[in-house]
Amino acid sequence: MPDQRNSTRPFLSERDAQFVEQTRTTINETLELLSQPMPDTFLGRKTQEPFPKGETD
């Protein structure tokens, strides 16, 4: 009777099946990360208005 634990890949050992599952999970996480927009790393960009300077007399 064939091994029921790996019914989709009965020729893989348990260790190999775990490696395949881990690889698939890593690929899915990577694709999710790559689908996000690239972060803006320009340090000189002003994203808010500076505080107003008080009047000096």
PDB file of N, CA and C in Angstrom:
ATOM      1  N   MET A   1       0.853  -1.180   0.000  1.00  0.00           N
ATOM      2  CA  MET A   1       0.000   0.000   0.000  1.00  0.00           C
ATOM      3  C   MET A   1       0.902   1.247   0.000  1.00  0.00           C
ATOM      4  N   PRO A   2       0.592   2.265  -0.828  1.00  0.00           N
ATOM      5  CA  PRO A   2       1.450   3.458  -0.893  1.00  0.00           C
ATOM      6  C   PRO A   2       1.380   4.276   0.388  1.00  0.00           C
ATOM      7  N   ASP A   3       2.433   5.054   0.589  1.00  0.00           N
ATOM      8  CA  ASP A   3       2.525   5.934   1.751  1.00  0.00           C
ATOM      9  C   ASP A   3       1.461   7.024   1.636  1.00  0.00           C
ATOM     10  N   GLN A   4       0.591   7.147   2.615  1.00  0.00           N
ATOM     11  CA  GLN A   4      -0.510   8.116   2.583  1.00  0.00           C
ATOM     12  C   GLN A   4      -0.088   9.509   3.031  1.00  0.00           C
ATOM     13  N   ARG A   5       1.062   9.640   3.682  1.00  0.00           N
ATOM     14  CA  ARG A   5       1.488  10.945   4.185  1.00  0.00           C
ATOM     15  C   ARG A   5       1.795  11.912   3.050  1.00  0.00           C
ATOM     16  N   ASN A   6       2.374  11.439   1.991  1.00  0.00           N
ATOM     17  CA  ASN A   6       2.738  12.269   0.846  1.00  0.00           C
ATOM     18  C   ASN A   6       1.974  11.781  -0.380  1.00  0.00           C
ATOM     19  N   SER A   7       0.674  11.877  -0.342  1.00  0.00           N
ATOM     20  CA  SER A   7      -0.132  11.313  -1.420  1.00  0.00           C
ATOM     21  C   SER A   7       0.116  12.006  -2.760  1.00  0.00           C
ATOM     22  N   THR A   8       0.469  13.296  -2.749  1.00  0.00           N
ATOM     23  CA  THR A   8       0.730  13.982  -4.006  1.00  0.00           C
ATOM     24  C   THR A   8       2.122  13.671  -4.528  1.00  0.00           C
ATOM     25  N   ARG A   9       3.043  13.352  -3.643  1.00  0.00           N
ATOM     26  CA  ARG A   9       4.417  13.021  -4.029  1.00  0.00           C
ATOM     27  C   ARG A   9       4.867  11.783  -3.229  1.00  0.00           C
ATOM     28  N   PRO A  10       4.354  10.624  -3.549  1.00  0.00           N
ATOM     29  CA  PRO A  10       4.668   9.443  -2.735  1.00  0.00           C
ATOM     30  C   PRO A  10       6.129   9.017  -2.827  1.00  0.00           C
ATOM     31  N   PHE A  11       6.862   9.502  -3.809  1.00  0.00           N
ATOM     32  CA  PHE A  11       8.257   9.117  -3.969  1.00  0.00           C
ATOM     33  C   PHE A  11       9.198   9.968  -3.128  1.00  0.00           C
ATOM     34  N   LEU A  12       8.703  11.034  -2.485  1.00  0.00           N
ATOM     35  CA  LEU A  12       9.537  11.890  -1.651  1.00  0.00           C
ATOM     36  C   LEU A  12       9.609  11.355  -0.232  1.00  0.00           C
ATOM     37  N   SER A  13      10.789  11.495   0.366  1.00  0.00           N
ATOM     38  CA  SER A  13      10.899  11.154   1.778  1.00  0.00           C
ATOM     39  C   SER A  13      10.212  12.250   2.582  1.00  0.00           C
ATOM     40  N   GLU A  14       9.982  12.005   3.838  1.00  0.00           N
ATOM     41  CA  GLU A  14       9.347  12.999   4.713  1.00  0.00           C
ATOM     42  C   GLU A  14      10.191  14.260   4.772  1.00  0.00           C
ATOM     43  N   ARG A  15      11.496  14.086   4.857  1.00  0.00           N
ATOM     44  CA  ARG A  15      12.413  15.231   4.913  1.00  0.00           C
ATOM     45  C   ARG A  15      12.341  16.052   3.625  1.00  0.00           C
ATOM     46  N   ASP A  16      12.322  15.378   2.496  1.00  0.00           N
ATOM     47  CA  ASP A  16      12.224  16.081   1.216  1.00  0.00           C
ATOM     48  C   ASP A  16      10.883  16.798   1.079  1.00  0.00           C
ATOM     49  N   ALA A  17       9.822  16.169   1.540  1.00  0.00           N
ATOM     50  CA  ALA A  17       8.495  16.796   1.474  1.00  0.00           C
ATOM     51  C   ALA A  17       8.457  18.063   2.326  1.00  0.00           C
ATOM     52  N   GLN A  18       9.097  18.038   3.491  1.00  0.00           N
ATOM     53  CA  GLN A  18       9.155  19.229   4.343  1.00  0.00           C
ATOM     54  C   GLN A  18       9.965  20.328   3.666  1.00  0.00           C
ATOM     55  N   PHE A  19      11.055  19.941   3.008  1.00  0.00           N
ATOM     56  CA  PHE A  19      11.872  20.914   2.302  1.00  0.00           C
ATOM     57  C   PHE A  19      11.091  21.563   1.159  1.00  0.00           C
ATOM     58  N   VAL A  20      10.337  20.761   0.427  1.00  0.00           N
ATOM     59  CA  VAL A  20       9.520  21.286  -0.674  1.00  0.00           C
ATOM     60  C   VAL A  20       8.477  22.254  -0.129  1.00  0.00           C
ATOM     61  N   GLU A  21       7.834  21.899   0.972  1.00  0.00           N
ATOM     62  CA  GLU A  21       6.814  22.772   1.565  1.00  0.00           C
ATOM     63  C   GLU A  21       7.432  24.070   2.059  1.00  0.00           C
ATOM     64  N   GLN A  22       8.600  23.990   2.680  1.00  0.00           N
ATOM     65  CA  GLN A  22       9.291  25.190   3.158  1.00  0.00           C
ATOM     66  C   GLN A  22       9.689  26.081   1.984  1.00  0.00           C
ATOM     67  N   THR A  23      10.143  25.472   0.906  1.00  0.00           N
ATOM     68  CA  THR A  23      10.529  26.233  -0.282  1.00  0.00           C
ATOM     69  C   THR A  23       9.325  26.927  -0.886  1.00  0.00           C
ATOM     70  N   ARG A  24       8.200  26.242  -0.965  1.00  0.00           N
ATOM     71  CA  ARG A  24       6.979  26.859  -1.498  1.00  0.00           C
ATOM     72  C   ARG A  24       6.529  28.034  -0.634  1.00  0.00           C
ATOM     73  N   THR A  25       6.622  27.874   0.679  1.00  0.00           N
ATOM     74  CA  THR A  25       6.244  28.950   1.591  1.00  0.00           C
ATOM     75  C   THR A  25       7.167  30.157   1.396  1.00  0.00           C
ATOM     76  N   THR A  26       8.458  29.905   1.271  1.00  0.00           N
ATOM     77  CA  THR A  26       9.417  30.988   1.068  1.00  0.00           C
ATOM     78  C   THR A  26       9.156  31.702  -0.253  1.00  0.00           C
ATOM     79  N   ILE A  27       8.866  30.960  -1.294  1.00  0.00           N
ATOM     80  CA  ILE A  27       8.572  31.560  -2.596  1.00  0.00           C
ATOM     81  C   ILE A  27       7.316  32.421  -2.518  1.00  0.00           C
ATOM     82  N   ASN A  28       6.274  31.934  -1.866  1.00  0.00           N
ATOM     83  CA  ASN A  28       5.040  32.718  -1.731  1.00  0.00           C
ATOM     84  C   ASN A  28       5.275  34.001  -0.946  1.00  0.00           C
ATOM     85  N   GLU A  29       6.057  33.929   0.131  1.00  0.00           N
ATOM     86  CA  GLU A  29       6.365  35.126   0.919  1.00  0.00           C
ATOM     87  C   GLU A  29       7.196  36.111   0.096  1.00  0.00           C
ATOM     88  N   THR A  30       8.114  35.594  -0.697  1.00  0.00           N
ATOM     89  CA  THR A  30       8.952  36.446  -1.537  1.00  0.00           C
ATOM     90  C   THR A  30       8.122  37.143  -2.607  1.00  0.00           C
ATOM     91  N   LEU A  31       7.224  36.407  -3.245  1.00  0.00           N
ATOM     92  CA  LEU A  31       6.363  37.009  -4.260  1.00  0.00           C
ATOM     93  C   LEU A  31       5.470  38.091  -3.665  1.00  0.00           C
ATOM     94  N   GLU A  32       5.000  37.855  -2.455  1.00  0.00           N
ATOM     95  CA  GLU A  32       4.179  38.854  -1.764  1.00  0.00           C
ATOM     96  C   GLU A  32       4.992  40.120  -1.495  1.00  0.00           C
ATOM     97  N   LEU A  33       6.218  39.943  -1.039  1.00  0.00           N
ATOM     98  CA  LEU A  33       7.090  41.082  -0.760  1.00  0.00           C
ATOM     99  C   LEU A  33       7.436  41.834  -2.038  1.00  0.00           C
ATOM    100  N   LEU A  34       7.719  41.116  -3.106  1.00  0.00           N
ATOM    101  CA  LEU A  34       8.087  41.760  -4.366  1.00  0.00           C
ATOM    102  C   LEU A  34       6.915  42.473  -5.029  1.00  0.00           C
ATOM    103  N   SER A  35       5.699  42.116  -4.673  1.00  0.00           N
ATOM    104  CA  SER A  35       4.532  42.771  -5.269  1.00  0.00           C
ATOM    105  C   SER A  35       4.236  44.123  -4.619  1.00  0.00           C
ATOM    106  N   GLN A  36       4.876  44.397  -3.474  1.00  0.00           N
ATOM    107  CA  GLN A  36       4.676  45.674  -2.798  1.00  0.00           C
ATOM    108  C   GLN A  36       5.496  46.758  -3.505  1.00  0.00           C
ATOM    109  N   PRO A  37       5.047  48.018  -3.417  1.00  0.00           N
ATOM    110  CA  PRO A  37       5.810  49.092  -4.052  1.00  0.00           C
ATOM    111  C   PRO A  37       7.178  49.260  -3.383  1.00  0.00           C
ATOM    112  N   MET A  38       8.136  49.703  -4.188  1.00  0.00           N
ATOM    113  CA  MET A  38       9.483  49.901  -3.662  1.00  0.00           C
ATOM    114  C   MET A  38       9.475  51.056  -2.660  1.00  0.00           C
ATOM    115  N   PRO A  39      10.124  50.885  -1.512  1.00  0.00           N
ATOM    116  CA  PRO A  39      10.143  51.960  -0.517  1.00  0.00           C
ATOM    117  C   PRO A  39      10.968  53.144  -1.005  1.00  0.00           C
ATOM    118  N   ASP A  40      10.580  54.328  -0.568  1.00  0.00           N
ATOM    119  CA  ASP A  40      11.302  55.547  -0.912  1.00  0.00           C
ATOM    120  C   ASP A  40      12.395  55.742   0.121  1.00  0.00           C
ATOM    121  N   THR A  41      13.634  55.647  -0.298  1.00  0.00           N
ATOM    122  CA  THR A  41      14.737  55.746   0.643  1.00  0.00           C
ATOM    123  C   THR A  41      15.522  57.040   0.488  1.00  0.00           C
ATOM    124  N   PHE A  42      14.978  57.994  -0.262  1.00  0.00           N
ATOM    125  CA  PHE A  42      15.670  59.267  -0.435  1.00  0.00           C
ATOM    126  C   PHE A  42      15.570  60.056   0.856  1.00  0.00           C
ATOM    127  N   LEU A  43      16.693  60.264   1.521  1.00  0.00           N
ATOM    128  CA  LEU A  43      16.689  60.890   2.844  1.00  0.00           C
ATOM    129  C   LEU A  43      16.401  62.382   2.795  1.00  0.00           C
ATOM    130  N   GLY A  44      16.616  63.022   1.651  1.00  0.00           N
ATOM    131  CA  GLY A  44      16.416  64.458   1.567  1.00  0.00           C
ATOM    132  C   GLY A  44      14.987  64.865   1.268  1.00  0.00           C
ATOM    133  N   ARG A  45      14.108  63.902   1.036  1.00  0.00           N
ATOM    134  CA  ARG A  45      12.721  64.228   0.692  1.00  0.00           C
ATOM    135  C   ARG A  45      11.993  64.782   1.906  1.00  0.00           C
ATOM    136  N   LYS A  46      11.288  65.883   1.701  1.00  0.00           N
ATOM    137  CA  LYS A  46      10.533  66.491   2.798  1.00  0.00           C
ATOM    138  C   LYS A  46       9.097  65.981   2.726  1.00  0.00           C
ATOM    139  N   THR A  47       8.699  65.254   3.736  1.00  0.00           N
ATOM    140  CA  THR A  47       7.354  64.692   3.752  1.00  0.00           C
ATOM    141  C   THR A  47       6.394  65.517   4.600  1.00  0.00           C
ATOM    142  N   GLN A  48       6.909  66.529   5.269  1.00  0.00           N
ATOM    143  CA  GLN A  48       6.044  67.402   6.074  1.00  0.00           C
ATOM    144  C   GLN A  48       6.620  68.803   6.069  1.00  0.00           C
ATOM    145  N   GLU A  49       5.791  69.745   6.364  1.00  0.00           N
ATOM    146  CA  GLU A  49       6.229  71.143   6.417  1.00  0.00           C
ATOM    147  C   GLU A  49       7.043  71.372   7.686  1.00  0.00           C
ATOM    148  N   PRO A  50       8.116  72.144   7.611  1.00  0.00           N
ATOM    149  CA  PRO A  50       8.905  72.418   8.819  1.00  0.00           C
ATOM    150  C   PRO A  50       8.096  73.283   9.790  1.00  0.00           C
ATOM    151  N   PHE A  51       8.469  73.242  11.055  1.00  0.00           N
ATOM    152  CA  PHE A  51       7.805  74.077  12.047  1.00  0.00           C
ATOM    153  C   PHE A  51       8.044  75.544  11.711  1.00  0.00           C
ATOM    154  N   PRO A  52       7.003  76.363  11.869  1.00  0.00           N
ATOM    155  CA  PRO A  52       7.214  77.793  11.595  1.00  0.00           C
ATOM    156  C   PRO A  52       8.166  78.394  12.625  1.00  0.00           C
ATOM    157  N   LYS A  53       9.021  79.258  12.137  1.00  0.00           N
ATOM    158  CA  LYS A  53       9.972  79.932  13.030  1.00  0.00           C
ATOM    159  C   LYS A  53       9.289  81.120  13.673  1.00  0.00           C
ATOM    160  N   GLY A  54       9.508  81.284  14.957  1.00  0.00           N
ATOM    161  CA  GLY A  54       8.897  82.385  15.688  1.00  0.00           C
ATOM    162  C   GLY A  54       9.524  83.726  15.272  1.00  0.00           C
ATOM    163  N   GLU A  55       8.784  84.778  15.463  1.00  0.00           N
ATOM    164  CA  GLU A  55       9.304  86.114  15.118  1.00  0.00           C
ATOM    165  C   GLU A  55      10.378  86.494  16.111  1.00  0.00           C
ATOM    166  N   THR A  56      11.473  87.019  15.608  1.00  0.00           N
ATOM    167  CA  THR A  56      12.551  87.458  16.493  1.00  0.00           C
ATOM    168  C   THR A  56      12.605  88.986  16.447  1.00  0.00           C
ATOM    169  N   ASP A  57      12.543  89.602  17.584  1.00  0.00           N
ATOM    170  CA  ASP A  57      12.586  91.064  17.666  1.00  0.00           C
ATOM    171  C   ASP A  57      13.852  91.528  18.294  1.00  0.00           C
TER     172      ASP A  57
END
